[in-house]
Amino acid sequence: MAESKPLEPWEPVVLAPRLIAAREAIGLNKADFADMIGIDRSSYTKIEKGEKPLLPREASKIFRLFRVDLNYLYLGELGGLPPHLSSKVIANLKKATS
């Protein structure tokens, strides 16, 4: 039987919890967040479910609007998050994994 390789941090199912944590830290529901970044709500729901990738143009829009660093979104690196979001994001990630 073939051994499965570990998932990369940018894969949709791995990225999704970080995106959710950031959105919740910003204080928006899914519909408003999707509208603000300019994608249809059903597509955004699929991104949060890990069924669809977050495209660079969408991630770039998130950065421009909310200063959520692309290294956080795609790699899970917390260092580039704005101070007002980082503690909330960390708390949301802990809540999601417990």
PDB file of N, CA and C in Angstrom:
ATOM      1  N   MET A   1       0.840  -1.181   0.000  1.00  0.00           N
ATOM      2  CA  MET A   1       0.000   0.000   0.000  1.00  0.00           C
ATOM      3  C   MET A   1       0.886   1.245   0.000  1.00  0.00           C
ATOM      4  N   ALA A   2       0.532   2.221  -0.812  1.00  0.00           N
ATOM      5  CA  ALA A   2       1.326   3.436  -0.936  1.00  0.00           C
ATOM      6  C   ALA A   2       1.183   4.297   0.314  1.00  0.00           C
ATOM      7  N   GLU A   3       2.304   4.848   0.705  1.00  0.00           N
ATOM      8  CA  GLU A   3       2.317   5.731   1.873  1.00  0.00           C
ATOM      9  C   GLU A   3       1.882   7.129   1.436  1.00  0.00           C
ATOM     10  N   SER A   4       0.978   7.745   2.182  1.00  0.00           N
ATOM     11  CA  SER A   4       0.532   9.082   1.807  1.00  0.00           C
ATOM     12  C   SER A   4       1.509  10.110   2.359  1.00  0.00           C
ATOM     13  N   LYS A   5       1.768  11.116   1.549  1.00  0.00           N
ATOM     14  CA  LYS A   5       2.697  12.148   1.991  1.00  0.00           C
ATOM     15  C   LYS A   5       1.941  13.197   2.802  1.00  0.00           C
ATOM     16  N   PRO A   6       2.638  13.872   3.703  1.00  0.00           N
ATOM     17  CA  PRO A   6       1.974  14.886   4.536  1.00  0.00           C
ATOM     18  C   PRO A   6       1.430  16.030   3.682  1.00  0.00           C
ATOM     19  N   LEU A   7       0.360  16.614   4.150  1.00  0.00           N
ATOM     20  CA  LEU A   7      -0.244  17.750   3.445  1.00  0.00           C
ATOM     21  C   LEU A   7       0.634  18.987   3.591  1.00  0.00           C
ATOM     22  N   GLU A   8       0.658  19.772   2.550  1.00  0.00           N
ATOM     23  CA  GLU A   8       1.391  21.035   2.560  1.00  0.00           C
ATOM     24  C   GLU A   8       0.525  22.122   3.214  1.00  0.00           C
ATOM     25  N   PRO A   9       1.145  23.158   3.786  1.00  0.00           N
ATOM     26  CA  PRO A   9       0.367  24.187   4.502  1.00  0.00           C
ATOM     27  C   PRO A   9      -0.576  24.991   3.622  1.00  0.00           C
ATOM     28  N   TRP A  10      -0.338  25.016   2.324  1.00  0.00           N
ATOM     29  CA  TRP A  10      -1.200  25.805   1.425  1.00  0.00           C
ATOM     30  C   TRP A  10      -2.363  24.998   0.855  1.00  0.00           C
ATOM     31  N   GLU A  11      -2.394  23.702   1.148  1.00  0.00           N
ATOM     32  CA  GLU A  11      -3.491  22.893   0.636  1.00  0.00           C
ATOM     33  C   GLU A  11      -4.803  23.321   1.289  1.00  0.00           C
ATOM     34  N   PRO A  12      -5.896  23.300   0.526  1.00  0.00           N
ATOM     35  CA  PRO A  12      -7.165  23.852   1.011  1.00  0.00           C
ATOM     36  C   PRO A  12      -7.601  23.361   2.385  1.00  0.00           C
ATOM     37  N   VAL A  13      -7.497  22.084   2.647  1.00  0.00           N
ATOM     38  CA  VAL A  13      -7.973  21.550   3.917  1.00  0.00           C
ATOM     39  C   VAL A  13      -7.104  22.017   5.103  1.00  0.00           C
ATOM     40  N   VAL A  14      -5.854  22.350   4.838  1.00  0.00           N
ATOM     41  CA  VAL A  14      -4.947  22.836   5.881  1.00  0.00           C
ATOM     42  C   VAL A  14      -5.090  24.349   6.051  1.00  0.00           C
ATOM     43  N   LEU A  15      -5.276  25.047   4.952  1.00  0.00           N
ATOM     44  CA  LEU A  15      -5.410  26.502   4.979  1.00  0.00           C
ATOM     45  C   LEU A  15      -6.734  26.953   5.579  1.00  0.00           C
ATOM     46  N   ALA A  16      -7.789  26.204   5.373  1.00  0.00           N
ATOM     47  CA  ALA A  16      -9.151  26.614   5.762  1.00  0.00           C
ATOM     48  C   ALA A  16      -9.274  27.052   7.216  1.00  0.00           C
ATOM     49  N   PRO A  17      -8.767  26.298   8.207  1.00  0.00           N
ATOM     50  CA  PRO A  17      -8.912  26.755   9.595  1.00  0.00           C
ATOM     51  C   PRO A  17      -8.219  28.091   9.865  1.00  0.00           C
ATOM     52  N   ARG A  18      -7.110  28.345   9.189  1.00  0.00           N
ATOM     53  CA  ARG A  18      -6.427  29.635   9.373  1.00  0.00           C
ATOM     54  C   ARG A  18      -7.266  30.774   8.807  1.00  0.00           C
ATOM     55  N   LEU A  19      -7.884  30.535   7.661  1.00  0.00           N
ATOM     56  CA  LEU A  19      -8.744  31.550   7.062  1.00  0.00           C
ATOM     57  C   LEU A  19      -9.945  31.832   7.965  1.00  0.00           C
ATOM     58  N   ILE A  20     -10.551  30.789   8.472  1.00  0.00           N
ATOM     59  CA  ILE A  20     -11.699  30.956   9.382  1.00  0.00           C
ATOM     60  C   ILE A  20     -11.280  31.743  10.616  1.00  0.00           C
ATOM     61  N   ALA A  21     -10.131  31.383  11.189  1.00  0.00           N
ATOM     62  CA  ALA A  21      -9.655  32.083  12.392  1.00  0.00           C
ATOM     63  C   ALA A  21      -9.425  33.559  12.111  1.00  0.00           C
ATOM     64  N   ALA A  22      -8.884  33.875  10.954  1.00  0.00           N
ATOM     65  CA  ALA A  22      -8.654  35.280  10.598  1.00  0.00           C
ATOM     66  C   ALA A  22      -9.971  36.016  10.391  1.00  0.00           C
ATOM     67  N   ARG A  23     -10.889  35.389   9.669  1.00  0.00           N
ATOM     68  CA  ARG A  23     -12.187  36.035   9.426  1.00  0.00           C
ATOM     69  C   ARG A  23     -12.902  36.313  10.733  1.00  0.00           C
ATOM     70  N   GLU A  24     -12.893  35.334  11.637  1.00  0.00           N
ATOM     71  CA  GLU A  24     -13.549  35.525  12.928  1.00  0.00           C
ATOM     72  C   GLU A  24     -12.850  36.599  13.753  1.00  0.00           C
ATOM     73  N   ALA A  25     -11.522  36.665  13.685  1.00  0.00           N
ATOM     74  CA  ALA A  25     -10.786  37.708  14.405  1.00  0.00           C
ATOM     75  C   ALA A  25     -11.129  39.092  13.873  1.00  0.00           C
ATOM     76  N   ILE A  26     -11.368  39.179  12.579  1.00  0.00           N
ATOM     77  CA  ILE A  26     -11.766  40.445  11.960  1.00  0.00           C
ATOM     78  C   ILE A  26     -13.184  40.817  12.388  1.00  0.00           C
ATOM     79  N   GLY A  27     -14.002  39.808  12.676  1.00  0.00           N
ATOM     80  CA  GLY A  27     -15.350  40.053  13.166  1.00  0.00           C
ATOM     81  C   GLY A  27     -16.423  40.051  12.096  1.00  0.00           C
ATOM     82  N   LEU A  28     -16.175  39.338  11.005  1.00  0.00           N
ATOM     83  CA  LEU A  28     -17.163  39.285   9.928  1.00  0.00           C
ATOM     84  C   LEU A  28     -17.734  37.880   9.773  1.00  0.00           C
ATOM     85  N   ASN A  29     -18.986  37.817   9.341  1.00  0.00           N
ATOM     86  CA  ASN A  29     -19.553  36.511   9.009  1.00  0.00           C
ATOM     87  C   ASN A  29     -19.095  36.130   7.600  1.00  0.00           C
ATOM     88  N   LYS A  30     -19.355  34.879   7.220  1.00  0.00           N
ATOM     89  CA  LYS A  30     -18.892  34.385   5.918  1.00  0.00           C
ATOM     90  C   LYS A  30     -19.426  35.215   4.755  1.00  0.00           C
ATOM     91  N   ALA A  31     -20.701  35.548   4.802  1.00  0.00           N
ATOM     92  CA  ALA A  31     -21.321  36.272   3.691  1.00  0.00           C
ATOM     93  C   ALA A  31     -20.690  37.649   3.500  1.00  0.00           C
ATOM     94  N   ASP A  32     -20.530  38.391   4.578  1.00  0.00           N
ATOM     95  CA  ASP A  32     -19.949  39.731   4.469  1.00  0.00           C
ATOM     96  C   ASP A  32     -18.489  39.672   4.022  1.00  0.00           C
ATOM     97  N   PHE A  33     -17.750  38.693   4.546  1.00  0.00           N
ATOM     98  CA  PHE A  33     -16.345  38.535   4.171  1.00  0.00           C
ATOM     99  C   PHE A  33     -16.233  38.221   2.677  1.00  0.00           C
ATOM    100  N   ALA A  34     -17.045  37.276   2.205  1.00  0.00           N
ATOM    101  CA  ALA A  34     -17.033  36.918   0.783  1.00  0.00           C
ATOM    102  C   ALA A  34     -17.352  38.131  -0.083  1.00  0.00           C
ATOM    103  N   ASP A  35     -18.366  38.886   0.323  1.00  0.00           N
ATOM    104  CA  ASP A  35     -18.735  40.083  -0.437  1.00  0.00           C
ATOM    105  C   ASP A  35     -17.585  41.088  -0.487  1.00  0.00           C
ATOM    106  N   MET A  36     -16.901  41.261   0.631  1.00  0.00           N
ATOM    107  CA  MET A  36     -15.825  42.246   0.694  1.00  0.00           C
ATOM    108  C   MET A  36     -14.622  41.848  -0.157  1.00  0.00           C
ATOM    109  N   ILE A  37     -14.338  40.548  -0.223  1.00  0.00           N
ATOM    110  CA  ILE A  37     -13.187  40.139  -1.039  1.00  0.00           C
ATOM    111  C   ILE A  37     -13.584  39.856  -2.488  1.00  0.00           C
ATOM    112  N   GLY A  38     -14.868  39.982  -2.778  1.00  0.00           N
ATOM    113  CA  GLY A  38     -15.324  39.926  -4.160  1.00  0.00           C
ATOM    114  C   GLY A  38     -15.483  38.542  -4.757  1.00  0.00           C
ATOM    115  N   ILE A  39     -15.867  37.567  -3.932  1.00  0.00           N
ATOM    116  CA  ILE A  39     -16.163  36.251  -4.493  1.00  0.00           C
ATOM    117  C   ILE A  39     -17.568  35.846  -4.062  1.00  0.00           C
ATOM    118  N   ASP A  40     -18.168  34.966  -4.839  1.00  0.00           N
ATOM    119  CA  ASP A  40     -19.530  34.579  -4.488  1.00  0.00           C
ATOM    120  C   ASP A  40     -19.513  33.746  -3.208  1.00  0.00           C
ATOM    121  N   ARG A  41     -20.605  33.825  -2.507  1.00  0.00           N
ATOM    122  CA  ARG A  41     -20.693  33.224  -1.171  1.00  0.00           C
ATOM    123  C   ARG A  41     -20.542  31.714  -1.188  1.00  0.00           C
ATOM    124  N   SER A  42     -21.067  31.046  -2.195  1.00  0.00           N
ATOM    125  CA  SER A  42     -20.949  29.587  -2.237  1.00  0.00           C
ATOM    126  C   SER A  42     -19.500  29.176  -2.472  1.00  0.00           C
ATOM    127  N   SER A  43     -18.779  29.915  -3.282  1.00  0.00           N
ATOM    128  CA  SER A  43     -17.350  29.628  -3.488  1.00  0.00           C
ATOM    129  C   SER A  43     -16.573  29.839  -2.198  1.00  0.00           C
ATOM    130  N   TYR A  44     -16.894  30.917  -1.488  1.00  0.00           N
ATOM    131  CA  TYR A  44     -16.190  31.173  -0.229  1.00  0.00           C
ATOM    132  C   TYR A  44     -16.464  30.055   0.781  1.00  0.00           C
ATOM    133  N   THR A  45     -17.686  29.589   0.851  1.00  0.00           N
ATOM    134  CA  THR A  45     -18.022  28.490   1.761  1.00  0.00           C
ATOM    135  C   THR A  45     -17.193  27.257   1.427  1.00  0.00           C
ATOM    136  N   LYS A  46     -16.993  26.976   0.142  1.00  0.00           N
ATOM    137  CA  LYS A  46     -16.170  25.837  -0.264  1.00  0.00           C
ATOM    138  C   LYS A  46     -14.712  26.025   0.150  1.00  0.00           C
ATOM    139  N   ILE A  47     -14.232  27.263   0.116  1.00  0.00           N
ATOM    140  CA  ILE A  47     -12.864  27.535   0.560  1.00  0.00           C
ATOM    141  C   ILE A  47     -12.750  27.247   2.051  1.00  0.00           C
ATOM    142  N   GLU A  48     -13.718  27.711   2.838  1.00  0.00           N
ATOM    143  CA  GLU A  48     -13.685  27.466   4.284  1.00  0.00           C
ATOM    144  C   GLU A  48     -13.860  25.996   4.634  1.00  0.00           C
ATOM    145  N   LYS A  49     -14.503  25.240   3.776  1.00  0.00           N
ATOM    146  CA  LYS A  49     -14.647  23.798   4.009  1.00  0.00           C
ATOM    147  C   LYS A  49     -13.424  23.022   3.538  1.00  0.00           C
ATOM    148  N   GLY A  50     -12.478  23.697   2.896  1.00  0.00           N
ATOM    149  CA  GLY A  50     -11.293  23.032   2.379  1.00  0.00           C
ATOM    150  C   GLY A  50     -11.532  22.285   1.090  1.00  0.00           C
ATOM    151  N   GLU A  51     -12.609  22.621   0.402  1.00  0.00           N
ATOM    152  CA  GLU A  51     -12.966  21.957  -0.849  1.00  0.00           C
ATOM    153  C   GLU A  51     -12.453  22.694  -2.076  1.00  0.00           C
ATOM    154  N   LYS A  52     -12.019  23.913  -1.896  1.00  0.00           N
ATOM    155  CA  LYS A  52     -11.586  24.756  -3.011  1.00  0.00           C
ATOM    156  C   LYS A  52     -10.397  25.586  -2.525  1.00  0.00           C
ATOM    157  N   PRO A  53      -9.392  25.808  -3.383  1.00  0.00           N
ATOM    158  CA  PRO A  53      -8.237  26.590  -2.937  1.00  0.00           C
ATOM    159  C   PRO A  53      -8.541  28.085  -2.841  1.00  0.00           C
ATOM    160  N   LEU A  54      -7.806  28.732  -1.966  1.00  0.00           N
ATOM    161  CA  LEU A  54      -7.827  30.190  -1.892  1.00  0.00           C
ATOM    162  C   LEU A  54      -6.863  30.689  -2.960  1.00  0.00           C
ATOM    163  N   LEU A  55      -7.391  31.371  -3.957  1.00  0.00           N
ATOM    164  CA  LEU A  55      -6.566  31.845  -5.063  1.00  0.00           C
ATOM    165  C   LEU A  55      -5.746  33.064  -4.647  1.00  0.00           C
ATOM    166  N   PRO A  56      -4.589  33.252  -5.266  1.00  0.00           N
ATOM    167  CA  PRO A  56      -3.743  34.398  -4.915  1.00  0.00           C
ATOM    168  C   PRO A  56      -4.456  35.745  -5.012  1.00  0.00           C
ATOM    169  N   ARG A  57      -5.332  35.929  -6.003  1.00  0.00           N
ATOM    170  CA  ARG A  57      -6.026  37.226  -6.107  1.00  0.00           C
ATOM    171  C   ARG A  57      -6.948  37.446  -4.910  1.00  0.00           C
ATOM    172  N   GLU A  58      -7.547  36.374  -4.390  1.00  0.00           N
ATOM    173  CA  GLU A  58      -8.408  36.488  -3.211  1.00  0.00           C
ATOM    174  C   GLU A  58      -7.564  36.760  -1.966  1.00  0.00           C
ATOM    175  N   ALA A  59      -6.451  36.056  -1.840  1.00  0.00           N
ATOM    176  CA  ALA A  59      -5.559  36.263  -0.695  1.00  0.00           C
ATOM    177  C   ALA A  59      -4.990  37.675  -0.704  1.00  0.00           C
ATOM    178  N   SER A  60      -4.665  38.166  -1.895  1.00  0.00           N
ATOM    179  CA  SER A  60      -4.147  39.527  -2.027  1.00  0.00           C
ATOM    180  C   SER A  60      -5.186  40.553  -1.590  1.00  0.00           C
ATOM    181  N   LYS A  61      -6.428  40.312  -1.936  1.00  0.00           N
ATOM    182  CA  LYS A  61      -7.517  41.219  -1.532  1.00  0.00           C
ATOM    183  C   LYS A  61      -7.683  41.196  -0.005  1.00  0.00           C
ATOM    184  N   ILE A  62      -7.580  40.012   0.591  1.00  0.00           N
ATOM    185  CA  ILE A  62      -7.654  39.901   2.055  1.00  0.00           C
ATOM    186  C   ILE A  62      -6.531  40.709   2.692  1.00  0.00           C
ATOM    187  N   PHE A  63      -5.335  40.620   2.117  1.00  0.00           N
ATOM    188  CA  PHE A  63      -4.216  41.395   2.644  1.00  0.00           C
ATOM    189  C   PHE A  63      -4.472  42.892   2.517  1.00  0.00           C
ATOM    190  N   ARG A  64      -4.911  43.321   1.342  1.00  0.00           N
ATOM    191  CA  ARG A  64      -5.133  44.754   1.128  1.00  0.00           C
ATOM    192  C   ARG A  64      -6.220  45.319   2.051  1.00  0.00           C
ATOM    193  N   LEU A  65      -7.267  44.544   2.272  1.00  0.00           N
ATOM    194  CA  LEU A  65      -8.369  45.035   3.100  1.00  0.00           C
ATOM    195  C   LEU A  65      -8.093  44.931   4.599  1.00  0.00           C
ATOM    196  N   PHE A  66      -7.486  43.818   5.014  1.00  0.00           N
ATOM    197  CA  PHE A  66      -7.414  43.524   6.444  1.00  0.00           C
ATOM    198  C   PHE A  66      -5.994  43.342   6.976  1.00  0.00           C
ATOM    199  N   ARG A  67      -5.004  43.437   6.091  1.00  0.00           N
ATOM    200  CA  ARG A  67      -3.591  43.271   6.453  1.00  0.00           C
ATOM    201  C   ARG A  67      -3.277  41.870   6.982  1.00  0.00           C
ATOM    202  N   VAL A  68      -4.062  40.890   6.574  1.00  0.00           N
ATOM    203  CA  VAL A  68      -3.782  39.498   6.932  1.00  0.00           C
ATOM    204  C   VAL A  68      -2.715  39.008   5.949  1.00  0.00           C
ATOM    205  N   ASP A  69      -1.549  38.753   6.479  1.00  0.00           N
ATOM    206  CA  ASP A  69      -0.367  38.419   5.709  1.00  0.00           C
ATOM    207  C   ASP A  69      -0.541  37.127   4.909  1.00  0.00           C
ATOM    208  N   LEU A  70      -0.054  37.126   3.687  1.00  0.00           N
ATOM    209  CA  LEU A  70      -0.134  35.934   2.846  1.00  0.00           C
ATOM    210  C   LEU A  70       0.694  34.785   3.402  1.00  0.00           C
ATOM    211  N   ASN A  71       1.780  35.086   4.108  1.00  0.00           N
ATOM    212  CA  ASN A  71       2.566  34.020   4.739  1.00  0.00           C
ATOM    213  C   ASN A  71       1.755  33.314   5.824  1.00  0.00           C
ATOM    214  N   TYR A  72       0.885  34.040   6.478  1.00  0.00           N
ATOM    215  CA  TYR A  72      -0.017  33.398   7.442  1.00  0.00           C
ATOM    216  C   TYR A  72      -1.022  32.518   6.705  1.00  0.00           C
ATOM    217  N   LEU A  73      -1.668  33.070   5.688  1.00  0.00           N
ATOM    218  CA  LEU A  73      -2.703  32.322   4.983  1.00  0.00           C
ATOM    219  C   LEU A  73      -2.147  31.059   4.334  1.00  0.00           C
ATOM    220  N   TYR A  74      -1.041  31.190   3.609  1.00  0.00           N
ATOM    221  CA  TYR A  74      -0.536  30.055   2.833  1.00  0.00           C
ATOM    222  C   TYR A  74       0.444  29.163   3.581  1.00  0.00           C
ATOM    223  N   LEU A  75       1.147  29.712   4.566  1.00  0.00           N
ATOM    224  CA  LEU A  75       2.180  28.929   5.242  1.00  0.00           C
ATOM    225  C   LEU A  75       1.941  28.729   6.736  1.00  0.00           C
ATOM    226  N   GLY A  76       1.014  29.484   7.289  1.00  0.00           N
ATOM    227  CA  GLY A  76       0.729  29.361   8.715  1.00  0.00           C
ATOM    228  C   GLY A  76       1.680  30.139   9.604  1.00  0.00           C
ATOM    229  N   GLU A  77       2.446  31.060   9.046  1.00  0.00           N
ATOM    230  CA  GLU A  77       3.393  31.862   9.816  1.00  0.00           C
ATOM    231  C   GLU A  77       2.665  33.058  10.423  1.00  0.00           C
ATOM    232  N   LEU A  78       2.669  33.133  11.740  1.00  0.00           N
ATOM    233  CA  LEU A  78       1.911  34.159  12.447  1.00  0.00           C
ATOM    234  C   LEU A  78       2.609  35.517  12.509  1.00  0.00           C
ATOM    235  N   GLY A  79       3.901  35.566  12.255  1.00  0.00           N
ATOM    236  CA  GLY A  79       4.694  36.772  12.454  1.00  0.00           C
ATOM    237  C   GLY A  79       4.246  37.993  11.673  1.00  0.00           C
ATOM    238  N   GLY A  80       3.605  37.820  10.541  1.00  0.00           N
ATOM    239  CA  GLY A  80       3.214  38.962   9.724  1.00  0.00           C
ATOM    240  C   GLY A  80       1.829  39.506  10.002  1.00  0.00           C
ATOM    241  N   LEU A  81       1.130  38.918  10.969  1.00  0.00           N
ATOM    242  CA  LEU A  81      -0.211  39.419  11.280  1.00  0.00           C
ATOM    243  C   LEU A  81      -0.130  40.721  12.062  1.00  0.00           C
ATOM    244  N   PRO A  82      -1.070  41.624  11.838  1.00  0.00           N
ATOM    245  CA  PRO A  82      -1.096  42.848  12.632  1.00  0.00           C
ATOM    246  C   PRO A  82      -1.334  42.513  14.104  1.00  0.00           C
ATOM    247  N   PRO A  83      -0.721  43.266  15.005  1.00  0.00           N
ATOM    248  CA  PRO A  83      -0.866  42.978  16.440  1.00  0.00           C
ATOM    249  C   PRO A  83      -2.321  42.892  16.910  1.00  0.00           C
ATOM    250  N   HIS A  84      -3.183  43.725  16.364  1.00  0.00           N
ATOM    251  CA  HIS A  84      -4.581  43.710  16.810  1.00  0.00           C
ATOM    252  C   HIS A  84      -5.313  42.438  16.393  1.00  0.00           C
ATOM    253  N   LEU A  85      -4.763  41.694  15.436  1.00  0.00           N
ATOM    254  CA  LEU A  85      -5.391  40.447  15.000  1.00  0.00           C
ATOM    255  C   LEU A  85      -4.705  39.203  15.537  1.00  0.00           C
ATOM    256  N   SER A  86      -3.407  39.272  15.775  1.00  0.00           N
ATOM    257  CA  SER A  86      -2.653  38.052  16.071  1.00  0.00           C
ATOM    258  C   SER A  86      -3.164  37.311  17.301  1.00  0.00           C
ATOM    259  N   SER A  87      -3.432  38.004  18.391  1.00  0.00           N
ATOM    260  CA  SER A  87      -3.901  37.297  19.589  1.00  0.00           C
ATOM    261  C   SER A  87      -5.290  36.686  19.368  1.00  0.00           C
ATOM    262  N   LYS A  88      -6.137  37.372  18.634  1.00  0.00           N
ATOM    263  CA  LYS A  88      -7.472  36.836  18.334  1.00  0.00           C
ATOM    264  C   LYS A  88      -7.374  35.615  17.421  1.00  0.00           C
ATOM    265  N   VAL A  89      -6.500  35.687  16.418  1.00  0.00           N
ATOM    266  CA  VAL A  89      -6.321  34.569  15.500  1.00  0.00           C
ATOM    267  C   VAL A  89      -5.806  33.350  16.253  1.00  0.00           C
ATOM    268  N   ILE A  90      -4.817  33.554  17.106  1.00  0.00           N
ATOM    269  CA  ILE A  90      -4.258  32.441  17.891  1.00  0.00           C
ATOM    270  C   ILE A  90      -5.342  31.817  18.770  1.00  0.00           C
ATOM    271  N   ALA A  91      -6.139  32.648  19.422  1.00  0.00           N
ATOM    272  CA  ALA A  91      -7.234  32.127  20.263  1.00  0.00           C
ATOM    273  C   ALA A  91      -8.240  31.351  19.423  1.00  0.00           C
ATOM    274  N   ASN A  92      -8.557  31.850  18.243  1.00  0.00           N
ATOM    275  CA  ASN A  92      -9.515  31.147  17.372  1.00  0.00           C
ATOM    276  C   ASN A  92      -8.955  29.830  16.874  1.00  0.00           C
ATOM    277  N   LEU A  93      -7.654  29.786  16.564  1.00  0.00           N
ATOM    278  CA  LEU A  93      -7.039  28.533  16.134  1.00  0.00           C
ATOM    279  C   LEU A  93      -7.033  27.496  17.259  1.00  0.00           C
ATOM    280  N   LYS A  94      -6.730  27.956  18.467  1.00  0.00           N
ATOM    281  CA  LYS A  94      -6.749  27.035  19.615  1.00  0.00           C
ATOM    282  C   LYS A  94      -8.148  26.490  19.846  1.00  0.00           C
ATOM    283  N   LYS A  95      -9.135  27.361  19.742  1.00  0.00           N
ATOM    284  CA  LYS A  95     -10.535  26.946  19.924  1.00  0.00           C
ATOM    285  C   LYS A  95     -10.927  25.918  18.864  1.00  0.00           C
ATOM    286  N   ALA A  96     -10.477  26.116  17.641  1.00  0.00           N
ATOM    287  CA  ALA A  96     -10.834  25.222  16.536  1.00  0.00           C
ATOM    288  C   ALA A  96     -10.199  23.848  16.677  1.00  0.00           C
ATOM    289  N   THR A  97      -9.049  23.770  17.326  1.00  0.00           N
ATOM    290  CA  THR A  97      -8.353  22.490  17.451  1.00  0.00           C
ATOM    291  C   THR A  97      -8.634  21.775  18.754  1.00  0.00           C
ATOM    292  N   SER A  98      -9.413  22.380  19.622  1.00  0.00           N
ATOM    293  CA  SER A  98      -9.704  21.702  20.903  1.00  0.00           C
ATOM    294  C   SER A  98     -11.050  21.032  20.905  1.00  0.00           C
TER     295      SER A  98
END
